[in-house]
N, C-alpha and C. Protein backbone atom coordinates (compact mmCIF):
# COMPACT_ATOMS: atom_id res chain seq x y z
N UNK A 1 0.85 -1.17 0.00
CA UNK A 1 0.00 0.00 0.00
C UNK A 1 0.89 1.22 0.00
N UNK A 2 0.64 2.15 -0.90
CA UNK A 2 1.35 3.42 -0.91
C UNK A 2 0.37 4.55 -0.74
N UNK A 3 0.72 5.52 0.08
CA UNK A 3 -0.16 6.66 0.32
C UNK A 3 0.61 7.93 0.02
N UNK A 4 0.02 8.80 -0.78
CA UNK A 4 0.58 10.12 -1.03
C UNK A 4 -0.45 11.13 -0.59
N UNK A 5 0.03 12.17 0.10
CA UNK A 5 -0.86 13.25 0.52
C UNK A 5 -0.24 14.57 0.09
N UNK A 6 -1.01 15.36 -0.63
CA UNK A 6 -0.55 16.66 -1.08
C UNK A 6 -0.69 17.70 0.02
N UNK A 7 -0.31 18.92 -0.28
CA UNK A 7 -0.38 20.01 0.68
C UNK A 7 -1.80 20.20 1.20
N UNK A 8 -2.77 20.06 0.33
CA UNK A 8 -4.18 20.24 0.73
C UNK A 8 -4.74 19.03 1.46
N UNK A 9 -3.93 17.99 1.63
CA UNK A 9 -4.39 16.79 2.30
C UNK A 9 -5.05 15.78 1.39
N UNK A 10 -4.96 16.00 0.08
CA UNK A 10 -5.54 15.04 -0.85
C UNK A 10 -4.83 13.70 -0.70
N UNK A 11 -5.58 12.63 -0.94
CA UNK A 11 -4.99 11.29 -0.83
C UNK A 11 -5.01 10.61 -2.19
N UNK A 12 -3.94 9.90 -2.47
CA UNK A 12 -3.85 9.02 -3.64
C UNK A 12 -3.23 7.74 -3.12
N UNK A 13 -4.03 6.69 -3.04
CA UNK A 13 -3.63 5.45 -2.37
C UNK A 13 -3.70 4.29 -3.35
N UNK A 14 -2.67 3.45 -3.35
CA UNK A 14 -2.69 2.21 -4.13
C UNK A 14 -2.84 1.06 -3.15
N UNK A 15 -3.77 0.17 -3.43
CA UNK A 15 -4.03 -1.00 -2.61
C UNK A 15 -4.02 -2.25 -3.47
N UNK A 16 -3.68 -3.38 -2.87
CA UNK A 16 -3.95 -4.67 -3.49
C UNK A 16 -5.46 -4.87 -3.38
N UNK A 17 -6.08 -5.32 -4.44
CA UNK A 17 -7.53 -5.53 -4.44
C UNK A 17 -7.84 -6.77 -3.61
N UNK A 18 -7.83 -6.57 -2.30
CA UNK A 18 -8.10 -7.63 -1.34
C UNK A 18 -9.33 -7.25 -0.53
N UNK A 19 -9.94 -8.22 0.13
CA UNK A 19 -11.16 -7.95 0.89
C UNK A 19 -10.93 -7.00 2.05
N UNK A 20 -9.68 -6.79 2.45
CA UNK A 20 -9.38 -5.86 3.54
C UNK A 20 -9.28 -4.40 3.07
N UNK A 21 -9.20 -4.17 1.77
CA UNK A 21 -9.01 -2.82 1.24
C UNK A 21 -10.12 -1.85 1.64
N UNK A 22 -11.40 -2.22 1.55
CA UNK A 22 -12.43 -1.25 1.93
C UNK A 22 -12.30 -0.76 3.38
N UNK A 23 -12.00 -1.65 4.29
CA UNK A 23 -11.86 -1.26 5.69
C UNK A 23 -10.69 -0.31 5.92
N UNK A 24 -9.54 -0.64 5.33
CA UNK A 24 -8.37 0.23 5.46
C UNK A 24 -8.68 1.61 4.88
N UNK A 25 -9.25 1.64 3.71
CA UNK A 25 -9.54 2.92 3.05
C UNK A 25 -10.55 3.74 3.84
N UNK A 26 -11.59 3.11 4.36
CA UNK A 26 -12.57 3.84 5.16
C UNK A 26 -11.92 4.49 6.38
N UNK A 27 -11.00 3.78 7.02
CA UNK A 27 -10.30 4.34 8.18
C UNK A 27 -9.49 5.57 7.80
N UNK A 28 -8.75 5.48 6.71
CA UNK A 28 -7.94 6.61 6.26
C UNK A 28 -8.81 7.80 5.85
N UNK A 29 -9.92 7.52 5.17
CA UNK A 29 -10.83 8.58 4.74
C UNK A 29 -11.47 9.26 5.95
N UNK A 30 -11.87 8.48 6.93
CA UNK A 30 -12.48 9.06 8.13
C UNK A 30 -11.48 9.96 8.86
N UNK A 31 -10.23 9.53 8.96
CA UNK A 31 -9.20 10.37 9.58
C UNK A 31 -9.00 11.67 8.81
N UNK A 32 -8.99 11.59 7.48
CA UNK A 32 -8.81 12.78 6.66
C UNK A 32 -9.98 13.73 6.82
N UNK A 33 -11.20 13.21 6.85
CA UNK A 33 -12.37 14.06 7.05
C UNK A 33 -12.32 14.77 8.40
N UNK A 34 -11.86 14.07 9.42
CA UNK A 34 -11.71 14.67 10.74
C UNK A 34 -10.69 15.80 10.69
N UNK A 35 -9.56 15.56 10.01
CA UNK A 35 -8.54 16.60 9.85
C UNK A 35 -9.11 17.83 9.14
N UNK A 36 -9.98 17.62 8.19
CA UNK A 36 -10.57 18.71 7.42
C UNK A 36 -11.74 19.37 8.15
N UNK A 37 -12.12 18.85 9.31
CA UNK A 37 -13.26 19.40 10.03
C UNK A 37 -14.59 19.02 9.40
N UNK A 38 -14.63 17.89 8.71
CA UNK A 38 -15.83 17.44 8.00
C UNK A 38 -16.37 16.13 8.56
N UNK A 39 -16.19 15.92 9.85
CA UNK A 39 -16.62 14.68 10.47
C UNK A 39 -18.10 14.41 10.34
N UNK A 40 -18.91 15.45 10.15
CA UNK A 40 -20.37 15.27 10.06
C UNK A 40 -20.79 14.47 8.83
N UNK A 41 -19.94 14.42 7.78
CA UNK A 41 -20.31 13.65 6.59
C UNK A 41 -19.57 12.32 6.50
N UNK A 42 -18.81 11.99 7.56
CA UNK A 42 -17.97 10.79 7.52
C UNK A 42 -18.77 9.51 7.28
N UNK A 43 -19.90 9.36 7.92
CA UNK A 43 -20.67 8.12 7.75
C UNK A 43 -21.09 7.92 6.30
N UNK A 44 -21.61 8.97 5.67
CA UNK A 44 -22.03 8.86 4.27
C UNK A 44 -20.84 8.60 3.35
N UNK A 45 -19.75 9.35 3.55
CA UNK A 45 -18.58 9.19 2.68
C UNK A 45 -17.99 7.80 2.85
N UNK A 46 -17.90 7.31 4.07
CA UNK A 46 -17.34 5.97 4.30
C UNK A 46 -18.22 4.88 3.72
N UNK A 47 -19.53 5.07 3.75
CA UNK A 47 -20.43 4.09 3.13
C UNK A 47 -20.23 4.06 1.62
N UNK A 48 -20.15 5.23 1.00
CA UNK A 48 -19.90 5.31 -0.44
C UNK A 48 -18.55 4.69 -0.77
N UNK A 49 -17.53 5.02 0.02
CA UNK A 49 -16.19 4.47 -0.22
C UNK A 49 -16.21 2.94 -0.14
N UNK A 50 -16.85 2.42 0.88
CA UNK A 50 -16.91 0.97 1.02
C UNK A 50 -17.56 0.30 -0.17
N UNK A 51 -18.63 0.88 -0.69
CA UNK A 51 -19.31 0.30 -1.84
C UNK A 51 -18.45 0.35 -3.10
N UNK A 52 -17.86 1.53 -3.40
CA UNK A 52 -17.06 1.65 -4.61
C UNK A 52 -15.81 0.78 -4.55
N UNK A 53 -15.18 0.74 -3.40
CA UNK A 53 -13.95 -0.06 -3.27
C UNK A 53 -14.27 -1.55 -3.31
N UNK A 54 -15.34 -1.97 -2.67
CA UNK A 54 -15.72 -3.39 -2.73
C UNK A 54 -16.01 -3.81 -4.17
N UNK A 55 -16.65 -2.95 -4.95
CA UNK A 55 -16.90 -3.27 -6.36
C UNK A 55 -15.59 -3.39 -7.13
N UNK A 56 -14.62 -2.50 -6.86
CA UNK A 56 -13.33 -2.57 -7.54
C UNK A 56 -12.60 -3.86 -7.18
N UNK A 57 -12.65 -4.23 -5.91
CA UNK A 57 -12.01 -5.47 -5.46
C UNK A 57 -12.64 -6.67 -6.14
N UNK A 58 -13.95 -6.67 -6.23
CA UNK A 58 -14.66 -7.79 -6.87
C UNK A 58 -14.33 -7.87 -8.36
N UNK A 59 -14.16 -6.72 -9.00
CA UNK A 59 -13.88 -6.68 -10.44
C UNK A 59 -12.46 -7.10 -10.78
N UNK A 60 -11.52 -6.88 -9.86
CA UNK A 60 -10.10 -7.13 -10.15
C UNK A 60 -9.40 -7.79 -8.97
N UNK A 61 -9.82 -8.97 -8.56
CA UNK A 61 -9.20 -9.59 -7.38
C UNK A 61 -7.70 -9.79 -7.58
N UNK A 62 -6.95 -9.46 -6.54
CA UNK A 62 -5.49 -9.62 -6.50
C UNK A 62 -4.74 -8.71 -7.46
N UNK A 63 -5.39 -7.71 -8.02
CA UNK A 63 -4.73 -6.70 -8.84
C UNK A 63 -4.62 -5.43 -8.01
N UNK A 64 -4.07 -4.38 -8.60
CA UNK A 64 -3.97 -3.12 -7.88
C UNK A 64 -5.19 -2.25 -8.17
N UNK A 65 -5.67 -1.57 -7.13
CA UNK A 65 -6.69 -0.55 -7.28
C UNK A 65 -6.12 0.74 -6.73
N UNK A 66 -6.70 1.86 -7.15
CA UNK A 66 -6.25 3.16 -6.64
C UNK A 66 -7.45 3.92 -6.11
N UNK A 67 -7.19 4.69 -5.07
CA UNK A 67 -8.23 5.50 -4.46
C UNK A 67 -7.71 6.92 -4.36
N UNK A 68 -8.48 7.85 -4.90
CA UNK A 68 -8.18 9.28 -4.78
C UNK A 68 -9.29 9.93 -3.98
N UNK A 69 -8.89 10.75 -3.04
CA UNK A 69 -9.85 11.43 -2.19
C UNK A 69 -9.41 12.88 -2.07
N UNK A 70 -10.25 13.80 -2.57
CA UNK A 70 -9.89 15.21 -2.60
C UNK A 70 -11.01 16.07 -2.04
N UNK A 71 -10.61 17.23 -1.61
CA UNK A 71 -11.53 18.21 -1.07
C UNK A 71 -11.84 19.25 -2.13
N UNK A 72 -13.09 19.60 -2.26
CA UNK A 72 -13.54 20.61 -3.20
C UNK A 72 -14.38 21.63 -2.44
N UNK A 73 -14.64 22.78 -3.04
CA UNK A 73 -15.55 23.72 -2.38
C UNK A 73 -16.92 23.06 -2.19
N UNK A 74 -17.35 22.95 -0.97
CA UNK A 74 -18.67 22.43 -0.61
C UNK A 74 -18.87 20.94 -0.89
N UNK A 75 -17.79 20.18 -1.11
CA UNK A 75 -17.92 18.74 -1.39
C UNK A 75 -16.58 18.04 -1.22
N UNK A 76 -16.63 16.73 -1.21
CA UNK A 76 -15.44 15.90 -1.34
C UNK A 76 -15.64 15.00 -2.55
N UNK A 77 -14.54 14.66 -3.20
CA UNK A 77 -14.60 13.80 -4.38
C UNK A 77 -13.82 12.53 -4.09
N UNK A 78 -14.48 11.41 -4.25
CA UNK A 78 -13.88 10.10 -4.07
C UNK A 78 -13.87 9.40 -5.42
N UNK A 79 -12.71 8.89 -5.82
CA UNK A 79 -12.61 8.16 -7.09
C UNK A 79 -11.84 6.87 -6.84
N UNK A 80 -12.31 5.79 -7.43
CA UNK A 80 -11.69 4.48 -7.28
C UNK A 80 -11.39 3.93 -8.67
N UNK A 81 -10.12 3.56 -8.90
CA UNK A 81 -9.71 3.02 -10.19
C UNK A 81 -9.48 1.52 -10.07
N UNK A 82 -9.91 0.79 -11.09
CA UNK A 82 -9.55 -0.62 -11.22
C UNK A 82 -9.28 -0.91 -12.69
N UNK A 83 -8.59 -2.00 -12.95
CA UNK A 83 -8.13 -2.31 -14.31
C UNK A 83 -9.16 -3.04 -15.16
N UNK A 84 -10.32 -3.31 -14.62
CA UNK A 84 -11.37 -4.01 -15.38
C UNK A 84 -12.04 -3.05 -16.36
N UNK A 85 -12.35 -3.55 -17.53
CA UNK A 85 -13.10 -2.77 -18.51
C UNK A 85 -14.61 -2.92 -18.34
N UNK A 86 -15.03 -3.81 -17.45
CA UNK A 86 -16.46 -4.02 -17.21
C UNK A 86 -17.04 -2.79 -16.52
N UNK A 87 -18.14 -2.28 -17.04
CA UNK A 87 -18.77 -1.09 -16.48
C UNK A 87 -19.68 -1.47 -15.31
N UNK A 88 -19.77 -0.61 -14.32
CA UNK A 88 -20.68 -0.88 -13.20
C UNK A 88 -22.13 -0.95 -13.71
N UNK A 89 -22.88 -1.84 -13.15
CA UNK A 89 -24.28 -1.99 -13.55
C UNK A 89 -25.16 -1.82 -12.32
N UNK A 90 -26.13 -0.95 -12.42
CA UNK A 90 -27.06 -0.73 -11.32
C UNK A 90 -28.13 -1.80 -11.37
N UNK A 91 -28.28 -2.51 -10.27
CA UNK A 91 -29.33 -3.51 -10.16
C UNK A 91 -30.58 -2.83 -9.63
N UNK A 92 -31.72 -3.06 -10.27
CA UNK A 92 -32.95 -2.45 -9.74
C UNK A 92 -33.18 -2.90 -8.30
N UNK A 93 -33.53 -1.95 -7.46
CA UNK A 93 -33.79 -2.26 -6.05
C UNK A 93 -35.16 -2.90 -5.95
N UNK A 94 -35.22 -3.97 -5.19
CA UNK A 94 -36.50 -4.64 -4.99
C UNK A 94 -36.77 -4.76 -3.50
N UNK A 95 -38.01 -4.83 -3.16
CA UNK A 95 -38.39 -4.95 -1.76
C UNK A 95 -38.15 -6.38 -1.29
N UNK A 96 -37.55 -6.51 -0.11
CA UNK A 96 -37.29 -7.82 0.45
C UNK A 96 -38.52 -8.34 1.18
N UNK A 97 -38.64 -9.67 1.21
CA UNK A 97 -39.74 -10.29 1.95
C UNK A 97 -39.26 -10.57 3.37
N UNK A 98 -40.19 -10.87 4.26
CA UNK A 98 -39.83 -11.21 5.63
C UNK A 98 -38.94 -12.45 5.69
N UNK A 99 -39.17 -13.40 4.81
CA UNK A 99 -38.36 -14.61 4.80
C UNK A 99 -36.90 -14.30 4.45
N UNK A 100 -36.68 -13.33 3.59
CA UNK A 100 -35.32 -12.97 3.19
C UNK A 100 -34.57 -12.22 4.28
N UNK A 101 -35.28 -11.65 5.23
CA UNK A 101 -34.65 -10.90 6.30
C UNK A 101 -34.19 -11.78 7.44
N UNK A 102 -34.61 -13.01 7.48
CA UNK A 102 -34.22 -13.93 8.54
C UNK A 102 -32.80 -14.45 8.35
N UNK A 103 -32.33 -15.20 9.31
CA UNK A 103 -31.00 -15.79 9.25
C UNK A 103 -30.91 -16.79 8.10
N UNK A 104 -29.80 -16.74 7.38
CA UNK A 104 -29.57 -17.65 6.25
C UNK A 104 -28.51 -18.65 6.69
N UNK A 105 -28.86 -19.91 6.87
CA UNK A 105 -27.89 -20.90 7.36
C UNK A 105 -26.72 -21.11 6.39
N UNK A 106 -26.87 -20.73 5.13
CA UNK A 106 -25.78 -20.91 4.16
C UNK A 106 -25.00 -19.61 3.92
N UNK A 107 -25.28 -18.56 4.68
CA UNK A 107 -24.69 -17.25 4.44
C UNK A 107 -23.16 -17.27 4.38
N UNK A 108 -22.51 -18.11 5.14
CA UNK A 108 -21.05 -18.15 5.17
C UNK A 108 -20.44 -19.18 4.24
N UNK A 109 -21.28 -19.90 3.51
CA UNK A 109 -20.76 -20.88 2.55
C UNK A 109 -20.09 -20.17 1.38
N UNK A 110 -18.89 -20.63 0.97
CA UNK A 110 -18.21 -19.99 -0.16
C UNK A 110 -19.08 -20.01 -1.41
N UNK A 111 -19.18 -18.87 -2.08
CA UNK A 111 -19.92 -18.78 -3.32
C UNK A 111 -21.43 -18.67 -3.17
N UNK A 112 -21.93 -18.68 -1.94
CA UNK A 112 -23.39 -18.60 -1.74
C UNK A 112 -23.89 -17.21 -2.08
N UNK A 113 -24.90 -17.12 -2.91
CA UNK A 113 -25.54 -15.86 -3.26
C UNK A 113 -26.97 -15.92 -2.76
N UNK A 114 -27.27 -15.05 -1.80
CA UNK A 114 -28.62 -15.08 -1.25
C UNK A 114 -29.60 -14.23 -2.04
N UNK A 115 -29.13 -13.60 -3.11
CA UNK A 115 -30.01 -12.82 -3.96
C UNK A 115 -30.35 -11.45 -3.42
N UNK A 116 -29.73 -11.04 -2.31
CA UNK A 116 -30.05 -9.73 -1.73
C UNK A 116 -28.96 -8.70 -2.02
N UNK A 117 -27.98 -9.04 -2.85
CA UNK A 117 -26.92 -8.09 -3.19
C UNK A 117 -27.38 -7.09 -4.24
N UNK A 118 -26.45 -6.24 -4.65
CA UNK A 118 -26.76 -5.30 -5.71
C UNK A 118 -27.30 -3.96 -5.24
N UNK A 119 -27.20 -3.67 -3.95
CA UNK A 119 -27.72 -2.41 -3.41
C UNK A 119 -26.67 -1.31 -3.42
N UNK A 120 -25.42 -1.64 -3.70
CA UNK A 120 -24.32 -0.70 -3.57
C UNK A 120 -24.45 0.56 -4.41
N UNK A 121 -24.62 0.42 -5.71
CA UNK A 121 -24.69 1.60 -6.57
C UNK A 121 -25.93 2.46 -6.31
N UNK A 122 -27.09 1.88 -6.03
CA UNK A 122 -28.21 2.75 -5.65
C UNK A 122 -27.93 3.54 -4.36
N UNK A 123 -27.19 2.94 -3.43
CA UNK A 123 -26.81 3.66 -2.22
C UNK A 123 -25.87 4.81 -2.57
N UNK A 124 -24.88 4.54 -3.44
CA UNK A 124 -23.95 5.58 -3.88
C UNK A 124 -24.72 6.72 -4.55
N UNK A 125 -25.64 6.39 -5.42
CA UNK A 125 -26.43 7.41 -6.11
C UNK A 125 -27.26 8.24 -5.12
N UNK A 126 -27.81 7.59 -4.12
CA UNK A 126 -28.65 8.29 -3.15
C UNK A 126 -27.85 9.24 -2.27
N UNK A 127 -26.62 8.89 -1.93
CA UNK A 127 -25.82 9.70 -1.02
C UNK A 127 -24.94 10.73 -1.72
N UNK A 128 -24.82 10.65 -3.03
CA UNK A 128 -23.92 11.52 -3.78
C UNK A 128 -24.67 12.66 -4.46
N UNK A 129 -23.99 13.81 -4.54
CA UNK A 129 -24.52 14.92 -5.34
C UNK A 129 -24.39 14.59 -6.81
N UNK A 130 -23.34 13.83 -7.16
CA UNK A 130 -23.11 13.37 -8.54
C UNK A 130 -22.20 12.16 -8.47
N UNK A 131 -22.30 11.29 -9.47
CA UNK A 131 -21.40 10.14 -9.55
C UNK A 131 -21.32 9.69 -11.00
N UNK A 132 -20.28 8.94 -11.33
CA UNK A 132 -20.13 8.50 -12.70
C UNK A 132 -18.92 7.60 -12.90
N UNK A 133 -18.62 7.36 -14.16
CA UNK A 133 -17.51 6.50 -14.56
C UNK A 133 -16.74 7.18 -15.67
N UNK A 134 -15.41 7.10 -15.61
CA UNK A 134 -14.56 7.62 -16.68
C UNK A 134 -13.60 6.50 -17.09
N UNK A 135 -13.67 6.08 -18.34
CA UNK A 135 -12.82 5.02 -18.88
C UNK A 135 -11.40 5.55 -19.03
N UNK A 136 -10.41 4.70 -18.73
CA UNK A 136 -9.00 5.07 -18.88
C UNK A 136 -8.33 4.18 -19.92
N UNK A 137 -7.30 4.72 -20.54
CA UNK A 137 -6.53 3.97 -21.54
C UNK A 137 -5.26 3.45 -20.90
N UNK A 138 -4.77 2.30 -21.20
CA UNK A 138 -5.27 1.37 -22.20
C UNK A 138 -6.38 0.46 -21.67
N UNK A 139 -6.62 0.53 -20.35
CA UNK A 139 -7.68 -0.30 -19.78
C UNK A 139 -8.14 0.33 -18.47
N UNK A 140 -9.24 -0.16 -17.98
CA UNK A 140 -9.70 0.26 -16.66
C UNK A 140 -10.64 1.45 -16.67
N UNK A 141 -10.94 1.91 -15.45
CA UNK A 141 -11.90 3.00 -15.29
C UNK A 141 -11.76 3.61 -13.90
N UNK A 142 -12.15 4.87 -13.80
CA UNK A 142 -12.33 5.55 -12.52
C UNK A 142 -13.83 5.60 -12.27
N UNK A 143 -14.27 5.10 -11.13
CA UNK A 143 -15.66 5.25 -10.70
C UNK A 143 -15.61 6.29 -9.58
N UNK A 144 -16.43 7.32 -9.69
CA UNK A 144 -16.30 8.44 -8.77
C UNK A 144 -17.64 8.87 -8.19
N UNK A 145 -17.55 9.55 -7.06
CA UNK A 145 -18.74 10.10 -6.40
C UNK A 145 -18.35 11.41 -5.73
N UNK A 146 -19.19 12.40 -5.88
CA UNK A 146 -19.01 13.70 -5.21
C UNK A 146 -20.08 13.78 -4.12
N UNK A 147 -19.62 13.96 -2.88
CA UNK A 147 -20.53 14.02 -1.74
C UNK A 147 -20.50 15.44 -1.19
N UNK A 148 -21.65 16.08 -1.11
CA UNK A 148 -21.74 17.46 -0.63
C UNK A 148 -21.52 17.53 0.86
N UNK A 149 -20.95 18.65 1.30
CA UNK A 149 -20.73 18.89 2.74
C UNK A 149 -21.97 19.44 3.37
């Protein structure tokens, strides 16, 4: 993991796309928000960060991902890069039934899909003032979200 911080406190972090990356990044982002006096938006920003980073990890396991976190007037900008050319896809949100909310005895089984995933990008859209994707050459993409202060 390499971390660079500019004079304004901007972060540019390279991580191995491992399941631990979202947690590490959320901790660093929360500390930076506290330094900037923006602790009141930390929960929303960390939730968005966790979703975008988890998607990058899933798209490029064991590869490198990058996280940029910058301060803007009245907002923060979070961008996550991965080397996959696959574009993020928003899954339509559906209402869960009472049966789906109960304990799933297979929840910890490797590869088990309980069908309740896919809420990440709708959460990002709901918490962000703007969000999007920018393709990079020769491969990959930046997925970004701007969260208002």
